[in-house]
Amino acid sequence: MSVAALEEIQSWNCKDSLSGAFLLLNGICQSTFIISLLCSEKLLAYTLPIKSEVLKILSEKGPRKLKF
């Protein structure tokens, strides 16, 4: 859901929709939420090459031949 959509919903006459949109908009615009998203993006960028290597190994050896 985008910020523009939530801002549009805030102009509706439905009290429940307006309240929910207000809470979501305030939540996603807080700095802690934005920092969490940026940290998650960075972490997942590190795991992508690992995932590729694991999939390569699994496709070569098959999941039943792996020993941990």
C-alpha atoms as a PDB file:
ATOM      1  CA  MET A   1       0.000   0.000   0.000  1.00  0.00           C
ATOM      2  CA  SER A   2       1.435   3.373  -0.901  1.00  0.00           C
ATOM      3  CA  VAL A   3       1.531   6.570   1.105  1.00  0.00           C
ATOM      4  CA  ALA A   4      -0.626   8.320  -1.509  1.00  0.00           C
ATOM      5  CA  ALA A   5      -3.325   5.641  -1.177  1.00  0.00           C
ATOM      6  CA  LEU A   6      -3.353   5.971   2.606  1.00  0.00           C
ATOM      7  CA  GLU A   7      -3.601   9.752   2.326  1.00  0.00           C
ATOM      8  CA  GLU A   8      -6.557   9.332  -0.043  1.00  0.00           C
ATOM      9  CA  ILE A   9      -8.299   6.944   2.381  1.00  0.00           C
ATOM     10  CA  GLN A  10      -7.922   9.546   5.129  1.00  0.00           C
ATOM     11  CA  SER A  11     -10.286  11.812   3.189  1.00  0.00           C
ATOM     12  CA  TRP A  12     -13.080   9.222   3.200  1.00  0.00           C
ATOM     13  CA  ASN A  13     -16.156   9.615   5.412  1.00  0.00           C
ATOM     14  CA  CYS A  14     -15.841   6.105   6.885  1.00  0.00           C
ATOM     15  CA  LYS A  15     -14.488   6.512  10.407  1.00  0.00           C
ATOM     16  CA  ASP A  16     -12.939   3.011  10.573  1.00  0.00           C
ATOM     17  CA  SER A  17     -11.122   3.382   7.241  1.00  0.00           C
ATOM     18  CA  LEU A  18      -9.923   6.855   8.136  1.00  0.00           C
ATOM     19  CA  SER A  19      -8.617   5.693  11.500  1.00  0.00           C
ATOM     20  CA  GLY A  20      -6.871   2.634  10.046  1.00  0.00           C
ATOM     21  CA  ALA A  21      -5.253   4.676   7.286  1.00  0.00           C
ATOM     22  CA  PHE A  22      -4.057   7.248   9.804  1.00  0.00           C
ATOM     23  CA  LEU A  23      -2.454   4.586  12.002  1.00  0.00           C
ATOM     24  CA  LEU A  24      -0.771   2.822   9.071  1.00  0.00           C
ATOM     25  CA  LEU A  25       0.503   6.087   7.624  1.00  0.00           C
ATOM     26  CA  ASN A  26       1.974   7.165  10.938  1.00  0.00           C
ATOM     27  CA  GLY A  27       3.533   3.742  11.430  1.00  0.00           C
ATOM     28  CA  ILE A  28       5.291   3.538   8.091  1.00  0.00           C
ATOM     29  CA  CYS A  29       6.510   7.116   8.207  1.00  0.00           C
ATOM     30  CA  GLN A  30       8.302   6.705  11.540  1.00  0.00           C
ATOM     31  CA  SER A  31      12.065   6.635  11.343  1.00  0.00           C
ATOM     32  CA  THR A  32      12.350   3.308  13.200  1.00  0.00           C
ATOM     33  CA  PHE A  33      10.238   1.572  10.558  1.00  0.00           C
ATOM     34  CA  ILE A  34      12.270   3.076   7.727  1.00  0.00           C
ATOM     35  CA  ILE A  35      15.549   2.102   9.409  1.00  0.00           C
ATOM     36  CA  SER A  36      14.242  -1.448   9.896  1.00  0.00           C
ATOM     37  CA  LEU A  37      13.414  -1.692   6.200  1.00  0.00           C
ATOM     38  CA  LEU A  38      16.860  -0.450   5.203  1.00  0.00           C
ATOM     39  CA  CYS A  39      18.569  -2.919   7.560  1.00  0.00           C
ATOM     40  CA  SER A  40      16.441  -5.777   6.229  1.00  0.00           C
ATOM     41  CA  GLU A  41      17.332  -4.835   2.674  1.00  0.00           C
ATOM     42  CA  LYS A  42      21.045  -4.841   3.513  1.00  0.00           C
ATOM     43  CA  LEU A  43      20.828  -8.193   5.326  1.00  0.00           C
ATOM     44  CA  LEU A  44      18.927  -9.826   2.484  1.00  0.00           C
ATOM     45  CA  ALA A  45      21.470  -8.496  -0.003  1.00  0.00           C
ATOM     46  CA  TYR A  46      24.130 -10.481   1.889  1.00  0.00           C
ATOM     47  CA  THR A  47      22.058 -13.664   1.921  1.00  0.00           C
ATOM     48  CA  LEU A  48      21.273 -13.660  -1.804  1.00  0.00           C
ATOM     49  CA  PRO A  49      24.693 -14.981  -2.903  1.00  0.00           C
ATOM     50  CA  ILE A  50      24.518 -17.625  -0.157  1.00  0.00           C
ATOM     51  CA  LYS A  51      21.113 -18.740  -1.396  1.00  0.00           C
ATOM     52  CA  SER A  52      22.442 -19.026  -4.931  1.00  0.00           C
ATOM     53  CA  GLU A  53      25.357 -21.188  -3.781  1.00  0.00           C
ATOM     54  CA  VAL A  54      23.116 -23.455  -1.709  1.00  0.00           C
ATOM     55  CA  LEU A  55      20.735 -23.941  -4.624  1.00  0.00           C
ATOM     56  CA  LYS A  56      23.678 -24.731  -6.888  1.00  0.00           C
ATOM     57  CA  ILE A  57      24.980 -27.363  -4.461  1.00  0.00           C
ATOM     58  CA  LEU A  58      21.524 -28.873  -4.023  1.00  0.00           C
ATOM     59  CA  SER A  59      20.994 -29.128  -7.756  1.00  0.00           C
ATOM     60  CA  GLU A  60      24.400 -30.793  -8.233  1.00  0.00           C
ATOM     61  CA  LYS A  61      24.240 -33.298  -5.387  1.00  0.00           C
ATOM     62  CA  GLY A  62      20.563 -33.583  -4.663  1.00  0.00           C
ATOM     63  CA  PRO A  63      19.066 -32.936  -1.213  1.00  0.00           C
ATOM     64  CA  ARG A  64      19.319 -36.575  -0.063  1.00  0.00           C
ATOM     65  CA  LYS A  65      23.064 -36.814  -0.596  1.00  0.00           C
ATOM     66  CA  LEU A  66      23.920 -33.860   1.628  1.00  0.00           C
ATOM     67  CA  LYS A  67      25.270 -34.661   5.094  1.00  0.00           C
ATOM     68  CA  PHE A  68      25.357 -32.097   7.849  1.00  0.00           C
END
